[in-house]
């Protein structure tokens, strides 16, 4: 009987040690993401500094802004979030990219399974997720999501993280040239024109202000955007939101 008690006592001690070890493990600080292999560069971004591969191969985007940037630079992410259907202006470019969640709700398990070597997003949308994302792979965040006149700087930051800064500058130069070509083709002086940018949804119209991404595009050509929208002869009143949009 005493022998049996001795065995049970030993088992209990081992179980107790296991519980203590498990508790200690759970209380430990999260481990950092694996260091990138091969040559790296240090990227300064909204969350600090991060070493990133100079040529990342498996990129995950958790906002449409870095998705746009990556595709414009000829890089197809291995995973991305969506706001419902893929943006129509991307055509078929994003149709085959695996979806890892919806707006502001990426599925972390799905991201882990993709084994990314770079995650791109925005602090304004996913700040709370940054500690966990950065444990999966090097993660680079812009401050905002390109909706407050900052889209060019955001594009440059994403391009730097992707190792495509030179190509990004060429695309921006092409954009500026297109703006100048548009100005020259207008019948009226650009400063005398008023532009309205509308987004139609199933239940309302959204007027983009100059602080939004699409609303900022006409500004170099026309210097201002118009925020009052007339529908069927009736003037609709819009309220302003922090994202730079008006809603009915």
Protein backbone atom coordinates (compact mmCIF):
# COMPACT_ATOMS: atom_id res chain seq x y z
CA UNK A 1 0.00 0.00 0.00
CA UNK A 2 2.80 2.39 0.90
CA UNK A 3 4.53 1.59 -2.41
CA UNK A 4 1.41 2.49 -4.32
CA UNK A 5 1.11 5.73 -2.36
CA UNK A 6 4.71 6.56 -3.23
CA UNK A 7 3.98 6.18 -6.96
CA UNK A 8 0.86 8.31 -6.71
CA UNK A 9 2.81 10.93 -4.79
CA UNK A 10 5.51 11.02 -7.47
CA UNK A 11 2.89 11.38 -10.20
CA UNK A 12 1.27 14.25 -8.36
CA UNK A 13 4.64 15.99 -8.01
CA UNK A 14 5.30 15.60 -11.74
CA UNK A 15 1.86 16.96 -12.57
CA UNK A 16 2.46 19.86 -10.23
CA UNK A 17 5.75 20.66 -11.94
CA UNK A 18 3.99 20.46 -15.32
CA UNK A 19 1.36 22.94 -14.20
CA UNK A 20 4.04 25.31 -12.91
CA UNK A 21 5.96 25.03 -16.17
CA UNK A 22 2.82 25.66 -18.21
CA UNK A 23 1.96 28.68 -16.05
CA UNK A 24 5.44 30.09 -16.48
CA UNK A 25 5.21 29.58 -20.25
CA UNK A 26 1.87 31.36 -20.45
CA UNK A 27 3.23 34.30 -18.46
CA UNK A 28 6.28 34.68 -20.68
CA UNK A 29 6.44 37.58 -23.11
CA UNK A 30 5.49 36.65 -26.68
CA UNK A 31 8.42 35.60 -28.80
CA UNK A 32 9.55 37.88 -31.59
CA UNK A 33 9.04 37.01 -35.24
CA UNK A 34 11.82 34.97 -36.87
CA UNK A 35 14.56 37.15 -38.27
CA UNK A 36 14.37 37.55 -42.07
CA UNK A 37 16.79 35.35 -43.98
CA UNK A 38 19.25 36.85 -46.43
CA UNK A 39 19.98 40.57 -46.86
CA UNK A 40 17.73 42.90 -44.87
CA UNK A 41 16.94 46.59 -44.60
CA UNK A 42 15.55 48.48 -41.62
CA UNK A 43 12.22 50.16 -42.26
CA UNK A 44 11.09 53.08 -40.10
CA UNK A 45 7.31 53.18 -39.91
CA UNK A 46 4.35 54.12 -37.69
CA UNK A 47 5.10 51.42 -35.11
CA UNK A 48 8.87 51.85 -34.90
CA UNK A 49 11.66 50.17 -36.86
CA UNK A 50 11.58 46.69 -38.37
CA UNK A 51 14.20 44.63 -40.21
CA UNK A 52 12.70 43.43 -43.47
CA UNK A 53 14.03 41.29 -46.30
CA UNK A 54 15.24 43.44 -49.19
CA UNK A 55 13.18 41.24 -51.49
CA UNK A 56 10.13 39.82 -49.68
CA UNK A 57 8.46 36.95 -51.50
CA UNK A 58 5.35 36.19 -49.43
CA UNK A 59 3.50 39.40 -48.64
CA UNK A 60 0.20 39.64 -46.76
CA UNK A 61 -1.82 42.88 -46.91
CA UNK A 62 -4.40 43.65 -44.22
CA UNK A 63 -5.84 46.74 -45.88
CA UNK A 64 -6.70 47.62 -49.48
CA UNK A 65 -4.12 50.45 -49.47
CA UNK A 66 -1.07 48.14 -49.34
CA UNK A 67 -2.92 45.73 -51.65
CA UNK A 68 -3.18 48.50 -54.24
CA UNK A 69 0.46 49.45 -53.73
CA UNK A 70 1.75 45.89 -54.07
CA UNK A 71 -0.22 45.20 -57.24
CA UNK A 72 0.82 48.54 -58.77
CA UNK A 73 4.43 47.51 -58.16
CA UNK A 74 3.95 44.12 -59.80
CA UNK A 75 3.80 42.08 -56.57
CA UNK A 76 0.86 39.77 -55.92
CA UNK A 77 0.26 39.21 -52.19
CA UNK A 78 -0.21 35.64 -50.94
CA UNK A 79 -3.15 36.83 -48.83
CA UNK A 80 -5.28 39.93 -48.29
CA UNK A 81 -8.36 41.23 -46.52
CA UNK A 82 -11.43 42.40 -48.39
CA UNK A 83 -14.21 44.92 -47.99
CA UNK A 84 -16.81 42.60 -49.48
CA UNK A 85 -15.97 42.08 -53.16
CA UNK A 86 -12.54 43.04 -54.54
CA UNK A 87 -12.39 46.68 -55.74
CA UNK A 88 -13.64 46.83 -59.31
CA UNK A 89 -10.74 49.00 -60.48
CA UNK A 90 -8.34 46.13 -59.77
CA UNK A 91 -10.03 44.01 -62.41
CA UNK A 92 -8.88 40.40 -62.19
CA UNK A 93 -5.60 41.27 -60.45
CA UNK A 94 -6.93 40.47 -56.97
CA UNK A 95 -9.52 37.84 -57.81
CA UNK A 96 -7.27 34.83 -57.08
CA UNK A 97 -5.57 36.16 -53.94
CA UNK A 98 -6.58 34.11 -50.86
CA UNK A 99 -8.78 36.10 -48.47
CA UNK A 100 -7.62 36.13 -44.85
CA UNK A 101 -10.46 38.20 -43.37
CA UNK A 102 -12.63 41.25 -43.75
CA UNK A 103 -11.97 44.90 -42.89
CA UNK A 104 -10.10 45.29 -39.56
CA UNK A 105 -10.65 41.58 -38.83
CA UNK A 106 -7.84 39.54 -40.37
CA UNK A 107 -7.76 35.89 -39.36
CA UNK A 108 -4.40 35.43 -37.65
CA UNK A 109 -4.44 31.64 -38.02
CA UNK A 110 -4.94 32.00 -41.76
CA UNK A 111 -2.03 34.42 -41.92
CA UNK A 112 0.24 32.00 -40.03
CA UNK A 113 -0.63 29.22 -42.49
CA UNK A 114 0.49 31.43 -45.40
CA UNK A 115 3.98 31.71 -43.87
CA UNK A 116 4.47 35.37 -44.89
CA UNK A 117 7.80 37.15 -44.80
CA UNK A 118 6.16 40.61 -44.70
CA UNK A 119 2.81 41.98 -43.47
CA UNK A 120 1.63 45.43 -44.56
CA UNK A 121 -1.17 47.47 -43.00
CA UNK A 122 -2.17 50.73 -41.31
CA UNK A 123 -1.89 51.79 -37.67
CA UNK A 124 -5.21 53.64 -37.84
CA UNK A 125 -6.99 50.35 -38.62
CA UNK A 126 -4.97 47.55 -37.01
CA UNK A 127 -2.86 49.06 -34.22
CA UNK A 128 -4.23 46.63 -31.60
CA UNK A 129 -3.21 43.65 -33.74
CA UNK A 130 0.35 44.79 -34.33
CA UNK A 131 1.99 42.87 -31.42
CA UNK A 132 0.51 39.58 -32.61
CA UNK A 133 1.11 40.26 -36.30
CA UNK A 134 4.74 41.13 -35.68
CA UNK A 135 5.19 37.74 -34.00
CA UNK A 136 4.14 36.08 -37.26
CA UNK A 137 6.33 38.07 -39.66
CA UNK A 138 8.00 41.49 -39.98
CA UNK A 139 5.12 43.96 -40.04
CA UNK A 140 5.17 47.49 -41.45
CA UNK A 141 2.36 49.97 -40.79
CA UNK A 142 1.66 53.39 -42.23
CA UNK A 143 0.13 55.93 -39.85
CA UNK A 144 -3.12 56.25 -41.79
CA UNK A 145 -4.74 54.42 -44.68
CA UNK A 146 -4.22 57.06 -47.36
CA UNK A 147 -7.42 58.96 -46.63
CA UNK A 148 -5.89 62.20 -45.38
CA UNK A 149 -3.71 63.51 -48.20
CA UNK A 150 -1.00 61.02 -47.24
CA UNK A 151 -1.41 58.45 -49.99
CA UNK A 152 1.84 59.31 -51.77
CA UNK A 153 3.92 58.95 -48.62
CA UNK A 154 2.13 55.70 -47.78
CA UNK A 155 2.84 54.39 -51.26
CA UNK A 156 6.51 55.24 -50.87
CA UNK A 157 6.69 53.47 -47.50
CA UNK A 158 5.06 50.30 -48.80
CA UNK A 159 7.34 50.41 -51.84
CA UNK A 160 10.40 50.75 -49.61
CA UNK A 161 9.32 47.71 -47.55
CA UNK A 162 8.76 45.78 -50.79
CA UNK A 163 12.16 46.75 -52.16
CA UNK A 164 10.56 48.70 -55.00
CA UNK A 165 11.34 52.35 -54.21
CA UNK A 166 12.77 53.15 -57.63
CA UNK A 167 9.73 51.76 -59.43
CA UNK A 168 7.42 53.66 -57.06
CA UNK A 169 9.07 56.98 -57.90
CA UNK A 170 8.64 56.24 -61.59
CA UNK A 171 4.92 55.52 -61.09
CA UNK A 172 4.48 58.74 -59.10
CA UNK A 173 6.28 60.67 -61.81
CA UNK A 174 3.95 59.14 -64.40
CA UNK A 175 0.98 60.16 -62.26
CA UNK A 176 2.18 63.78 -62.01
CA UNK A 177 2.64 63.84 -65.78
CA UNK A 178 -0.92 62.60 -66.29
CA UNK A 179 -2.19 65.39 -64.03
CA UNK A 180 -0.35 67.98 -66.11
CA UNK A 181 -1.72 66.45 -69.31
CA UNK A 182 -5.23 66.59 -67.87
CA UNK A 183 -4.81 70.25 -66.91
CA UNK A 184 -3.69 71.10 -70.42
CA UNK A 185 -6.68 69.34 -71.97
CA UNK A 186 -9.37 71.08 -69.90
CA UNK A 187 -11.49 73.66 -71.69
CA UNK A 188 -11.87 75.77 -68.55
CA UNK A 189 -9.07 76.90 -66.23
CA UNK A 190 -8.64 74.22 -63.52
CA UNK A 191 -8.99 76.75 -60.70
CA UNK A 192 -12.50 77.65 -61.93
CA UNK A 193 -13.79 74.08 -61.88
CA UNK A 194 -15.65 72.19 -59.16
CA UNK A 195 -15.38 68.42 -58.92
CA UNK A 196 -17.65 65.96 -57.12
CA UNK A 197 -16.51 62.41 -56.31
CA UNK A 198 -19.44 60.13 -55.45
CA UNK A 199 -19.52 56.52 -54.29
CA UNK A 200 -22.84 54.74 -54.74
CA UNK A 201 -23.84 51.99 -52.28
CA UNK A 202 -27.05 50.00 -52.03
CA UNK A 203 -28.69 52.50 -49.69
CA UNK A 204 -26.88 55.83 -50.01
CA UNK A 205 -24.43 58.04 -51.85
CA UNK A 206 -21.12 58.94 -50.26
CA UNK A 207 -19.37 62.16 -51.26
CA UNK A 208 -15.58 61.97 -51.02
CA UNK A 209 -13.89 65.07 -49.55
CA UNK A 210 -10.41 66.34 -50.48
CA UNK A 211 -9.05 64.49 -47.43
CA UNK A 212 -10.07 61.13 -48.86
CA UNK A 213 -7.85 59.23 -51.29
CA UNK A 214 -10.10 59.53 -54.34
CA UNK A 215 -11.15 63.05 -53.34
CA UNK A 216 -7.52 64.18 -53.27
CA UNK A 217 -6.87 63.07 -56.85
CA UNK A 218 -8.72 65.97 -58.58
CA UNK A 219 -7.17 68.58 -56.30
CA UNK A 220 -3.88 68.93 -58.21
CA UNK A 221 -5.88 69.48 -61.41
CA UNK A 222 -8.84 71.50 -60.14
CA UNK A 223 -7.59 72.84 -56.79
CA UNK A 224 -10.79 72.03 -54.91
CA UNK A 225 -13.60 69.52 -54.52
CA UNK A 226 -17.31 70.14 -54.16
CA UNK A 227 -19.13 68.51 -51.25
CA UNK A 228 -22.79 69.30 -51.89
CA UNK A 229 -24.58 66.70 -53.98
CA UNK A 230 -27.88 67.18 -55.81
CA UNK A 231 -30.05 64.14 -56.48
CA UNK A 232 -33.19 64.49 -58.61
CA UNK A 233 -33.14 68.23 -58.04
CA UNK A 234 -33.04 67.91 -54.25
CA UNK A 235 -30.04 69.00 -52.24
CA UNK A 236 -28.93 66.28 -49.86
CA UNK A 237 -27.32 67.18 -46.54
CA UNK A 238 -24.18 65.21 -45.61
CA UNK A 239 -22.41 64.89 -42.30
CA UNK A 240 -18.65 64.72 -42.15
CA UNK A 241 -16.79 61.67 -40.84
CA UNK A 242 -13.23 61.26 -39.57
CA UNK A 243 -12.39 59.15 -42.63
CA UNK A 244 -12.80 62.20 -44.85
CA UNK A 245 -16.24 61.34 -46.23
CA UNK A 246 -19.75 62.75 -46.09
CA UNK A 247 -22.73 60.47 -45.49
CA UNK A 248 -26.43 61.02 -45.99
